[in-house]
Amino acid sequence: MSESVLRVENVTMQFGGVVAVDNLSLEVNRGEIVSLIGPNGAGKTTAFNVITGVYAPTNGCVWFNDKKIIENHPRGKMKKLYQGQNKDLYHHTLAPTPDQITRLGRARTFQNIRLWKGMSVFDNVLTAKHCRRTSGLLSATLRLNAKEEAQQRQEVQELLELLDLADVKDEMATSLPYGKQRRLEIARALATQPELLLLDEPAAGMNPQETAELTSFIARIRDDFHMTVFLIEHHMDLVMEISQRIYVLDFGKTIAQGLPQEIQNDQRVIDAYLGVSEDA
């Protein structure tokens, strides 16, 4: 039986009178690569922002490893309710903040690459390790955390070697070619030791060669790191090649779900992407 890592239940996201996502439900099982696709304006980014905790949904909830971590409470109310409460209760009933989401075992990238411009490749990845540190500010100030820091630096080096970035580790992150910057952003996400990797249009702005390389890179991450991956994407070649299952949004509603071959031949999906003639 498949083990669910991510489950979205009846999520609706409304901005005033505009319903950007309408009753979305989906599931991602351990070890899968699952994609959410749709034409421009379909609601993909809004759905992704709910799933990653940027928005609290108008209705519905998000489960991670059978814990309800996001539901329809205003963010400010969540913080007020959390004060003085037990952490485990917080994880079950209220949406965590982004740093807490990361520590739960979820990491995301962004459509627009967000690297530390003034840092090297190595230091960009090392910053992600801070969420896993056990030493506090006092220990760091007194240099009592030297052993833990050395261990994390070794882990970063090994990660860069695995992802073929070790040869550029001392270069400034923003001096890399675009494709390698995207790979670096994914490496930084992996440094947080996630169970679930969430990719926001990872092929955005890439040429065909870079997209092909990224396709192989994501598949390799799933295999080498035993990673579960959920992504939204426009590049259909990438989606069709690496996805086990696909969900399709149009005007905020799910119009199709299934295997890549089923989605590719679904008339509703074809109409959504290509439009329907007036005669039809």
C-alpha atoms as a PDB file:
ATOM      1  CA  MET A   1       0.000   0.000   0.000  1.00  0.00           C
ATOM      2  CA  SER A   2       1.308   3.477  -0.944  1.00  0.00           C
ATOM      3  CA  GLU A   3       2.356   5.786   1.891  1.00  0.00           C
ATOM      4  CA  SER A   4       1.019   9.319   1.593  1.00  0.00           C
ATOM      5  CA  VAL A   5       3.544  12.119   2.178  1.00  0.00           C
ATOM      6  CA  LEU A   6       1.475  15.089   1.005  1.00  0.00           C
ATOM      7  CA  ARG A   7      -2.320  15.271   0.969  1.00  0.00           C
ATOM      8  CA  VAL A   8      -4.365  18.299  -0.019  1.00  0.00           C
ATOM      9  CA  GLU A   9      -8.039  18.144   0.948  1.00  0.00           C
ATOM     10  CA  ASN A  10     -10.738  20.380  -0.569  1.00  0.00           C
ATOM     11  CA  VAL A  11      -8.556  23.486  -0.648  1.00  0.00           C
ATOM     12  CA  THR A  12     -10.170  26.708  -1.807  1.00  0.00           C
ATOM     13  CA  MET A  13      -8.312  30.017  -2.005  1.00  0.00           C
ATOM     14  CA  GLN A  14     -10.365  33.139  -2.520  1.00  0.00           C
ATOM     15  CA  PHE A  15      -9.188  36.747  -2.877  1.00  0.00           C
ATOM     16  CA  GLY A  16     -12.221  38.983  -2.439  1.00  0.00           C
ATOM     17  CA  GLY A  17     -14.655  37.844  -5.108  1.00  0.00           C
ATOM     18  CA  VAL A  18     -12.020  35.925  -7.091  1.00  0.00           C
ATOM     19  CA  VAL A  19     -11.726  32.186  -6.491  1.00  0.00           C
ATOM     20  CA  ALA A  20      -8.155  31.342  -7.552  1.00  0.00           C
ATOM     21  CA  VAL A  21      -8.298  27.702  -6.402  1.00  0.00           C
ATOM     22  CA  ASP A  22     -11.604  25.874  -6.147  1.00  0.00           C
ATOM     23  CA  ASN A  23     -11.886  22.711  -4.025  1.00  0.00           C
ATOM     24  CA  LEU A  24      -8.492  21.217  -4.914  1.00  0.00           C
ATOM     25  CA  SER A  25      -7.655  17.731  -3.654  1.00  0.00           C
ATOM     26  CA  LEU A  26      -4.486  15.814  -4.504  1.00  0.00           C
ATOM     27  CA  GLU A  27      -2.082  13.286  -3.025  1.00  0.00           C
ATOM     28  CA  VAL A  28       1.629  12.576  -3.371  1.00  0.00           C
ATOM     29  CA  ASN A  29       2.938   9.199  -2.208  1.00  0.00           C
ATOM     30  CA  ARG A  30       6.428   8.472  -0.939  1.00  0.00           C
ATOM     31  CA  GLY A  31       8.995   8.170  -3.725  1.00  0.00           C
ATOM     32  CA  GLU A  32       6.762   9.689  -6.403  1.00  0.00           C
ATOM     33  CA  ILE A  33       7.262  12.634  -8.705  1.00  0.00           C
ATOM     34  CA  VAL A  34       3.868  14.294  -9.098  1.00  0.00           C
ATOM     35  CA  SER A  35       3.185  17.397 -11.193  1.00  0.00           C
ATOM     36  CA  LEU A  36       0.495  20.070 -11.160  1.00  0.00           C
ATOM     37  CA  ILE A  37       0.031  21.697 -14.556  1.00  0.00           C
ATOM     38  CA  GLY A  38      -2.354  24.066 -16.282  1.00  0.00           C
ATOM     39  CA  PRO A  39      -2.440  27.075 -18.632  1.00  0.00           C
ATOM     40  CA  ASN A  40      -1.511  30.575 -17.502  1.00  0.00           C
ATOM     41  CA  GLY A  41      -3.924  31.840 -14.856  1.00  0.00           C
ATOM     42  CA  ALA A  42      -5.083  28.350 -13.931  1.00  0.00           C
ATOM     43  CA  GLY A  43      -4.273  28.811 -10.226  1.00  0.00           C
ATOM     44  CA  LYS A  44      -1.132  26.680 -10.029  1.00  0.00           C
ATOM     45  CA  THR A  45       1.019  29.227  -8.211  1.00  0.00           C
ATOM     46  CA  THR A  46      -1.749  30.024  -5.731  1.00  0.00           C
ATOM     47  CA  ALA A  47      -2.225  26.310  -5.034  1.00  0.00           C
ATOM     48  CA  PHE A  48       1.535  25.905  -4.589  1.00  0.00           C
ATOM     49  CA  ASN A  49       1.639  28.836  -2.161  1.00  0.00           C
ATOM     50  CA  VAL A  50      -1.111  27.261  -0.057  1.00  0.00           C
ATOM     51  CA  ILE A  51       0.671  23.899  -0.051  1.00  0.00           C
ATOM     52  CA  THR A  52       3.965  25.519   0.989  1.00  0.00           C
ATOM     53  CA  GLY A  53       2.378  27.615   3.731  1.00  0.00           C
ATOM     54  CA  VAL A  54       2.627  31.063   2.143  1.00  0.00           C
ATOM     55  CA  TYR A  55      -1.188  31.388   2.201  1.00  0.00           C
ATOM     56  CA  ALA A  56      -3.680  30.049   4.704  1.00  0.00           C
ATOM     57  CA  PRO A  57      -6.531  28.671   2.566  1.00  0.00           C
ATOM     58  CA  THR A  58     -10.052  30.064   2.622  1.00  0.00           C
ATOM     59  CA  ASN A  59     -11.219  26.479   3.097  1.00  0.00           C
ATOM     60  CA  GLY A  60      -9.657  23.020   3.274  1.00  0.00           C
ATOM     61  CA  CYS A  61      -6.397  21.711   4.706  1.00  0.00           C
ATOM     62  CA  VAL A  62      -2.974  20.277   3.886  1.00  0.00           C
ATOM     63  CA  TRP A  63      -1.562  17.127   5.483  1.00  0.00           C
ATOM     64  CA  PHE A  64       2.112  16.130   5.668  1.00  0.00           C
ATOM     65  CA  ASN A  65       3.008  12.635   6.892  1.00  0.00           C
ATOM     66  CA  ASP A  66      -0.520  12.283   8.299  1.00  0.00           C
ATOM     67  CA  LYS A  67      -0.265  15.535  10.292  1.00  0.00           C
ATOM     68  CA  LYS A  68      -2.579  18.405   9.462  1.00  0.00           C
ATOM     69  CA  ILE A  69      -0.163  21.319   9.139  1.00  0.00           C
ATOM     70  CA  ILE A  70      -2.123  23.935   7.177  1.00  0.00           C
ATOM     71  CA  GLU A  71      -5.806  24.860   7.449  1.00  0.00           C
ATOM     72  CA  ASN A  72      -8.159  27.794   7.071  1.00  0.00           C
ATOM     73  CA  HIS A  73      -7.087  30.099   9.903  1.00  0.00           C
ATOM     74  CA  PRO A  74      -5.777  33.641   9.357  1.00  0.00           C
ATOM     75  CA  ARG A  75      -2.007  33.717   9.895  1.00  0.00           C
ATOM     76  CA  GLY A  76      -2.203  36.357  12.647  1.00  0.00           C
ATOM     77  CA  LYS A  77      -4.759  34.316  14.566  1.00  0.00           C
ATOM     78  CA  MET A  78      -2.546  31.249  14.284  1.00  0.00           C
ATOM     79  CA  LYS A  79       0.404  33.014  15.900  1.00  0.00           C
ATOM     80  CA  LYS A  80      -1.717  34.336  18.763  1.00  0.00           C
ATOM     81  CA  LEU A  81      -3.247  30.920  19.433  1.00  0.00           C
ATOM     82  CA  TYR A  82       0.188  29.282  19.433  1.00  0.00           C
ATOM     83  CA  GLN A  83       1.663  31.356  22.249  1.00  0.00           C
ATOM     84  CA  GLY A  84       2.342  29.104  25.214  1.00  0.00           C
ATOM     85  CA  GLN A  85       0.960  25.964  23.591  1.00  0.00           C
ATOM     86  CA  ASN A  86       2.664  22.636  23.109  1.00  0.00           C
ATOM     87  CA  LYS A  87       4.656  22.336  19.857  1.00  0.00           C
ATOM     88  CA  ASP A  88       3.156  18.992  18.836  1.00  0.00           C
ATOM     89  CA  LEU A  89      -0.329  20.416  19.226  1.00  0.00           C
ATOM     90  CA  TYR A  90       0.761  23.345  17.064  1.00  0.00           C
ATOM     91  CA  HIS A  91       1.891  21.059  14.259  1.00  0.00           C
ATOM     92  CA  HIS A  92      -1.407  19.199  14.305  1.00  0.00           C
ATOM     93  CA  THR A  93      -3.789  22.114  14.459  1.00  0.00           C
ATOM     94  CA  LEU A  94      -2.158  25.315  13.177  1.00  0.00           C
ATOM     95  CA  ALA A  95      -0.135  26.218  10.108  1.00  0.00           C
ATOM     96  CA  PRO A  96       3.605  26.459  10.798  1.00  0.00           C
ATOM     97  CA  THR A  97       5.747  29.390   9.724  1.00  0.00           C
ATOM     98  CA  PRO A  98       8.174  28.819   6.786  1.00  0.00           C
ATOM     99  CA  ASP A  99      11.127  27.930   9.034  1.00  0.00           C
ATOM    100  CA  GLN A 100       8.996  25.427  10.951  1.00  0.00           C
ATOM    101  CA  ILE A 101       7.797  23.928   7.658  1.00  0.00           C
ATOM    102  CA  THR A 102      11.436  23.407   6.678  1.00  0.00           C
ATOM    103  CA  ARG A 103      12.239  21.680   9.958  1.00  0.00           C
ATOM    104  CA  LEU A 104       9.218  19.420   9.461  1.00  0.00           C
ATOM    105  CA  GLY A 105      10.962  18.014   6.372  1.00  0.00           C
ATOM    106  CA  ARG A 106       9.673  20.057   3.433  1.00  0.00           C
ATOM    107  CA  ALA A 107      11.842  22.254   1.194  1.00  0.00           C
ATOM    108  CA  ARG A 108      10.856  24.440  -1.758  1.00  0.00           C
ATOM    109  CA  THR A 109      12.434  26.381  -4.585  1.00  0.00           C
ATOM    110  CA  PHE A 110      11.055  29.475  -6.301  1.00  0.00           C
ATOM    111  CA  GLN A 111      10.151  30.297  -9.893  1.00  0.00           C
ATOM    112  CA  ASN A 112      12.490  33.296  -9.716  1.00  0.00           C
ATOM    113  CA  ILE A 113      15.825  32.010  -8.448  1.00  0.00           C
ATOM    114  CA  ARG A 114      16.586  33.359  -4.962  1.00  0.00           C
ATOM    115  CA  LEU A 115      20.257  32.863  -4.201  1.00  0.00           C
ATOM    116  CA  TRP A 116      22.418  34.885  -1.802  1.00  0.00           C
ATOM    117  CA  LYS A 117      24.103  37.141  -4.357  1.00  0.00           C
ATOM    118  CA  GLY A 118      27.085  38.067  -2.199  1.00  0.00           C
ATOM    119  CA  MET A 119      27.936  34.488  -1.217  1.00  0.00           C
ATOM    120  CA  SER A 120      29.845  31.646  -2.825  1.00  0.00           C
ATOM    121  CA  VAL A 121      28.202  28.454  -4.019  1.00  0.00           C
ATOM    122  CA  PHE A 122      29.463  26.653  -0.906  1.00  0.00           C
ATOM    123  CA  ASP A 123      28.172  29.278   1.519  1.00  0.00           C
ATOM    124  CA  ASN A 124      24.766  29.410  -0.188  1.00  0.00           C
ATOM    125  CA  VAL A 125      24.307  25.723   0.582  1.00  0.00           C
ATOM    126  CA  LEU A 126      25.846  25.976   4.056  1.00  0.00           C
ATOM    127  CA  THR A 127      23.261  28.592   5.108  1.00  0.00           C
ATOM    128  CA  ALA A 128      20.532  25.978   4.589  1.00  0.00           C
ATOM    129  CA  LYS A 129      22.202  23.732   7.161  1.00  0.00           C
ATOM    130  CA  HIS A 130      21.484  26.224   9.948  1.00  0.00           C
ATOM    131  CA  CYS A 131      17.921  24.936  10.335  1.00  0.00           C
ATOM    132  CA  ARG A 132      19.371  21.581  11.470  1.00  0.00           C
ATOM    133  CA  ARG A 133      21.856  22.953  13.992  1.00  0.00           C
ATOM    134  CA  THR A 134      21.418  21.950  17.617  1.00  0.00           C
ATOM    135  CA  SER A 135      23.795  24.536  19.100  1.00  0.00           C
ATOM    136  CA  GLY A 136      22.455  27.924  20.178  1.00  0.00           C
ATOM    137  CA  LEU A 137      23.681  31.497  19.918  1.00  0.00           C
ATOM    138  CA  LEU A 138      25.790  31.264  23.070  1.00  0.00           C
ATOM    139  CA  SER A 139      27.562  28.117  21.844  1.00  0.00           C
ATOM    140  CA  ALA A 140      28.303  29.774  18.516  1.00  0.00           C
ATOM    141  CA  THR A 141      29.602  32.926  20.190  1.00  0.00           C
ATOM    142  CA  LEU A 142      31.957  30.932  22.424  1.00  0.00           C
ATOM    143  CA  ARG A 143      32.936  28.639  19.534  1.00  0.00           C
ATOM    144  CA  LEU A 144      31.630  25.585  21.343  1.00  0.00           C
ATOM    145  CA  ASN A 145      29.876  24.414  18.194  1.00  0.00           C
ATOM    146  CA  ALA A 146      33.060  23.819  16.174  1.00  0.00           C
ATOM    147  CA  LYS A 147      32.474  20.064  15.860  1.00  0.00           C
ATOM    148  CA  GLU A 148      28.923  20.466  14.570  1.00  0.00           C
ATOM    149  CA  GLU A 149      29.984  23.195  12.137  1.00  0.00           C
ATOM    150  CA  ALA A 150      32.814  21.048  10.784  1.00  0.00           C
ATOM    151  CA  GLN A 151      30.385  18.169  10.279  1.00  0.00           C
ATOM    152  CA  GLN A 152      27.961  20.380   8.364  1.00  0.00           C
ATOM    153  CA  ARG A 153      30.725  21.759   6.158  1.00  0.00           C
ATOM    154  CA  GLN A 154      31.721  18.199   5.318  1.00  0.00           C
ATOM    155  CA  GLU A 155      28.108  17.358   4.466  1.00  0.00           C
ATOM    156  CA  VAL A 156      27.887  20.392   2.161  1.00  0.00           C
ATOM    157  CA  GLN A 157      31.079  19.340   0.380  1.00  0.00           C
ATOM    158  CA  GLU A 158      29.736  15.826  -0.147  1.00  0.00           C
ATOM    159  CA  LEU A 159      26.411  17.184  -1.423  1.00  0.00           C
ATOM    160  CA  LEU A 160      28.127  19.457  -3.944  1.00  0.00           C
ATOM    161  CA  GLU A 161      30.196  16.524  -5.165  1.00  0.00           C
ATOM    162  CA  LEU A 162      27.078  14.380  -5.606  1.00  0.00           C
ATOM    163  CA  LEU A 163      25.375  17.136  -7.592  1.00  0.00           C
ATOM    164  CA  ASP A 164      28.428  17.979  -9.750  1.00  0.00           C
ATOM    165  CA  LEU A 165      28.851  21.447  -8.245  1.00  0.00           C
ATOM    166  CA  ALA A 166      32.072  20.894  -6.297  1.00  0.00           C
ATOM    167  CA  ASP A 167      34.207  22.372  -9.076  1.00  0.00           C
ATOM    168  CA  VAL A 168      32.461  25.751  -8.715  1.00  0.00           C
ATOM    169  CA  LYS A 169      32.072  25.784  -4.913  1.00  0.00           C
ATOM    170  CA  ASP A 170      34.238  28.908  -4.446  1.00  0.00           C
ATOM    171  CA  GLU A 171      32.613  30.915  -7.236  1.00  0.00           C
ATOM    172  CA  MET A 172      29.999  33.571  -6.551  1.00  0.00           C
ATOM    173  CA  ALA A 173      26.563  31.995  -6.915  1.00  0.00           C
ATOM    174  CA  THR A 174      25.265  34.592  -9.364  1.00  0.00           C
ATOM    175  CA  SER A 175      28.282  34.152 -11.667  1.00  0.00           C
ATOM    176  CA  LEU A 176      27.107  30.653 -12.609  1.00  0.00           C
ATOM    177  CA  PRO A 177      25.221  29.928 -15.848  1.00  0.00           C
ATOM    178  CA  TYR A 178      21.458  29.967 -15.386  1.00  0.00           C
ATOM    179  CA  GLY A 179      21.090  26.184 -15.435  1.00  0.00           C
ATOM    180  CA  LYS A 180      23.697  25.758 -12.698  1.00  0.00           C
ATOM    181  CA  GLN A 181      22.071  28.465 -10.598  1.00  0.00           C
ATOM    182  CA  ARG A 182      18.858  26.455 -10.694  1.00  0.00           C
ATOM    183  CA  ARG A 183      20.799  23.329  -9.735  1.00  0.00           C
ATOM    184  CA  LEU A 184      22.390  25.233  -6.852  1.00  0.00           C
ATOM    185  CA  GLU A 185      18.988  26.359  -5.589  1.00  0.00           C
ATOM    186  CA  ILE A 186      17.857  22.730  -5.546  1.00  0.00           C
ATOM    187  CA  ALA A 187      21.083  21.732  -3.785  1.00  0.00           C
ATOM    188  CA  ARG A 188      20.391  24.327  -1.103  1.00  0.00           C
ATOM    189  CA  ALA A 189      16.898  22.895  -0.629  1.00  0.00           C
ATOM    190  CA  LEU A 190      18.333  19.381  -0.326  1.00  0.00           C
ATOM    191  CA  ALA A 191      20.779  20.601   2.343  1.00  0.00           C
ATOM    192  CA  THR A 192      17.835  21.031   4.724  1.00  0.00           C
ATOM    193  CA  GLN A 193      17.399  17.222   4.586  1.00  0.00           C
ATOM    194  CA  PRO A 194      13.785  17.215   3.389  1.00  0.00           C
ATOM    195  CA  GLU A 195      11.450  14.292   2.851  1.00  0.00           C
ATOM    196  CA  LEU A 196       9.452  16.284   0.304  1.00  0.00           C
ATOM    197  CA  LEU A 197      10.959  18.586  -2.333  1.00  0.00           C
ATOM    198  CA  LEU A 198       8.581  21.184  -3.792  1.00  0.00           C
ATOM    199  CA  LEU A 199       9.687  22.771  -7.067  1.00  0.00           C
ATOM    200  CA  ASP A 200       8.054  25.954  -8.363  1.00  0.00           C
ATOM    201  CA  GLU A 201       8.442  25.946 -12.165  1.00  0.00           C
ATOM    202  CA  PRO A 202      12.079  24.769 -12.052  1.00  0.00           C
ATOM    203  CA  ALA A 203      12.516  24.985 -15.846  1.00  0.00           C
ATOM    204  CA  ALA A 204      11.326  28.614 -16.078  1.00  0.00           C
ATOM    205  CA  GLY A 205      13.635  30.619 -18.324  1.00  0.00           C
ATOM    206  CA  MET A 206      15.660  27.621 -19.482  1.00  0.00           C
ATOM    207  CA  ASN A 207      16.609  26.762 -23.051  1.00  0.00           C
ATOM    208  CA  PRO A 208      15.885  23.243 -24.409  1.00  0.00           C
ATOM    209  CA  GLN A 209      19.315  21.868 -23.477  1.00  0.00           C
ATOM    210  CA  GLU A 210      19.107  23.206 -19.924  1.00  0.00           C
ATOM    211  CA  THR A 211      15.580  21.802 -19.593  1.00  0.00           C
ATOM    212  CA  ALA A 212      16.748  18.356 -20.731  1.00  0.00           C
ATOM    213  CA  GLU A 213      19.605  18.446 -18.215  1.00  0.00           C
ATOM    214  CA  LEU A 214      17.226  19.533 -15.447  1.00  0.00           C
ATOM    215  CA  THR A 215      14.845  16.691 -16.310  1.00  0.00           C
ATOM    216  CA  SER A 216      17.614  14.140 -15.772  1.00  0.00           C
ATOM    217  CA  PHE A 217      18.752  15.993 -12.640  1.00  0.00           C
ATOM    218  CA  ILE A 218      15.329  15.819 -10.963  1.00  0.00           C
ATOM    219  CA  ALA A 219      14.922  12.129 -11.800  1.00  0.00           C
ATOM    220  CA  ARG A 220      18.393  11.471 -10.385  1.00  0.00           C
ATOM    221  CA  ILE A 221      17.537  13.307  -7.162  1.00  0.00           C
ATOM    222  CA  ARG A 222      14.450  11.140  -6.688  1.00  0.00           C
ATOM    223  CA  ASP A 223      16.522   7.981  -7.168  1.00  0.00           C
ATOM    224  CA  ASP A 224      19.757   8.918  -5.366  1.00  0.00           C
ATOM    225  CA  PHE A 225      18.155  10.674  -2.399  1.00  0.00           C
ATOM    226  CA  HIS A 226      14.986   8.531  -2.231  1.00  0.00           C
ATOM    227  CA  MET A 227      13.143  11.833  -2.506  1.00  0.00           C
ATOM    228  CA  THR A 228       9.460  12.585  -2.982  1.00  0.00           C
ATOM    229  CA  VAL A 229       8.940  15.459  -5.429  1.00  0.00           C
ATOM    230  CA  PHE A 230       5.953  17.695  -6.149  1.00  0.00           C
ATOM    231  CA  LEU A 231       6.257  20.351  -8.830  1.00  0.00           C
ATOM    232  CA  ILE A 232       4.319  22.852 -10.878  1.00  0.00           C
ATOM    233  CA  GLU A 233       5.638  23.380 -14.380  1.00  0.00           C
ATOM    234  CA  HIS A 234       4.908  24.730 -17.868  1.00  0.00           C
ATOM    235  CA  HIS A 235       7.400  22.639 -19.824  1.00  0.00           C
ATOM    236  CA  MET A 236       5.358  19.640 -20.922  1.00  0.00           C
ATOM    237  CA  ASP A 237       8.338  17.581 -22.120  1.00  0.00           C
ATOM    238  CA  LEU A 238       9.818  17.692 -18.613  1.00  0.00           C
ATOM    239  CA  VAL A 239       6.485  16.909 -16.942  1.00  0.00           C
ATOM    240  CA  MET A 240       5.638  13.998 -19.221  1.00  0.00           C
ATOM    241  CA  GLU A 241       9.070  12.416 -18.913  1.00  0.00           C
ATOM    242  CA  ILE A 242       9.525  12.376 -15.131  1.00  0.00           C
ATOM    243  CA  SER A 243       6.030  12.394 -13.576  1.00  0.00           C
ATOM    244  CA  GLN A 244       4.346   9.288 -12.210  1.00  0.00           C
ATOM    245  CA  ARG A 245       1.033  11.151 -12.000  1.00  0.00           C
ATOM    246  CA  ILE A 246      -0.253  14.549 -13.095  1.00  0.00           C
ATOM    247  CA  TYR A 247      -3.033  16.864 -11.918  1.00  0.00           C
ATOM    248  CA  VAL A 248      -4.406  19.536 -14.258  1.00  0.00           C
ATOM    249  CA  LEU A 249      -5.949  22.842 -13.159  1.00  0.00           C
ATOM    250  CA  ASP A 250      -7.988  25.231 -15.276  1.00  0.00           C
ATOM    251  CA  PHE A 251      -9.611  28.354 -13.811  1.00  0.00           C
ATOM    252  CA  GLY A 252      -8.841  26.988 -10.351  1.00  0.00           C
ATOM    253  CA  LYS A 253     -10.642  23.678 -10.838  1.00  0.00           C
ATOM    254  CA  THR A 254      -9.182  20.202 -11.327  1.00  0.00           C
ATOM    255  CA  ILE A 255     -10.165  19.104 -14.830  1.00  0.00           C
ATOM    256  CA  ALA A 256      -8.063  15.934 -15.060  1.00  0.00           C
ATOM    257  CA  GLN A 257      -5.716  13.660 -13.140  1.00  0.00           C
ATOM    258  CA  GLY A 258      -3.894  10.478 -14.055  1.00  0.00           C
ATOM    259  CA  LEU A 259      -0.877   8.979 -15.775  1.00  0.00           C
ATOM    260  CA  PRO A 260       1.118  11.103 -18.251  1.00  0.00           C
ATOM    261  CA  GLN A 261      -0.276   9.179 -21.245  1.00  0.00           C
ATOM    262  CA  GLU A 262      -3.839   9.712 -20.025  1.00  0.00           C
ATOM    263  CA  ILE A 263      -3.308  13.424 -19.502  1.00  0.00           C
ATOM    264  CA  GLN A 264      -1.654  13.857 -22.885  1.00  0.00           C
ATOM    265  CA  ASN A 265      -4.697  12.419 -24.635  1.00  0.00           C
ATOM    266  CA  ASP A 266      -7.385  14.006 -22.474  1.00  0.00           C
ATOM    267  CA  GLN A 267      -9.568  16.259 -24.624  1.00  0.00           C
ATOM    268  CA  ARG A 268     -10.349  18.567 -21.695  1.00  0.00           C
ATOM    269  CA  VAL A 269      -6.626  19.185 -21.196  1.00  0.00           C
ATOM    270  CA  ILE A 270      -6.066  19.763 -24.903  1.00  0.00           C
ATOM    271  CA  ASP A 271      -8.940  22.267 -24.976  1.00  0.00           C
ATOM    272  CA  ALA A 272      -7.612  24.078 -21.897  1.00  0.00           C
ATOM    273  CA  TYR A 273      -4.168  24.538 -23.419  1.00  0.00           C
ATOM    274  CA  LEU A 274      -5.136  25.136 -27.054  1.00  0.00           C
ATOM    275  CA  GLY A 275      -8.585  26.660 -26.648  1.00  0.00           C
ATOM    276  CA  VAL A 276     -11.872  25.564 -28.150  1.00  0.00           C
ATOM    277  CA  SER A 277     -13.054  26.859 -31.519  1.00  0.00           C
ATOM    278  CA  GLU A 278     -16.270  28.850 -31.709  1.00  0.00           C
ATOM    279  CA  ASP A 279     -17.855  26.155 -33.894  1.00  0.00           C
ATOM    280  CA  ALA A 280     -17.102  23.545 -31.220  1.00  0.00           C
END
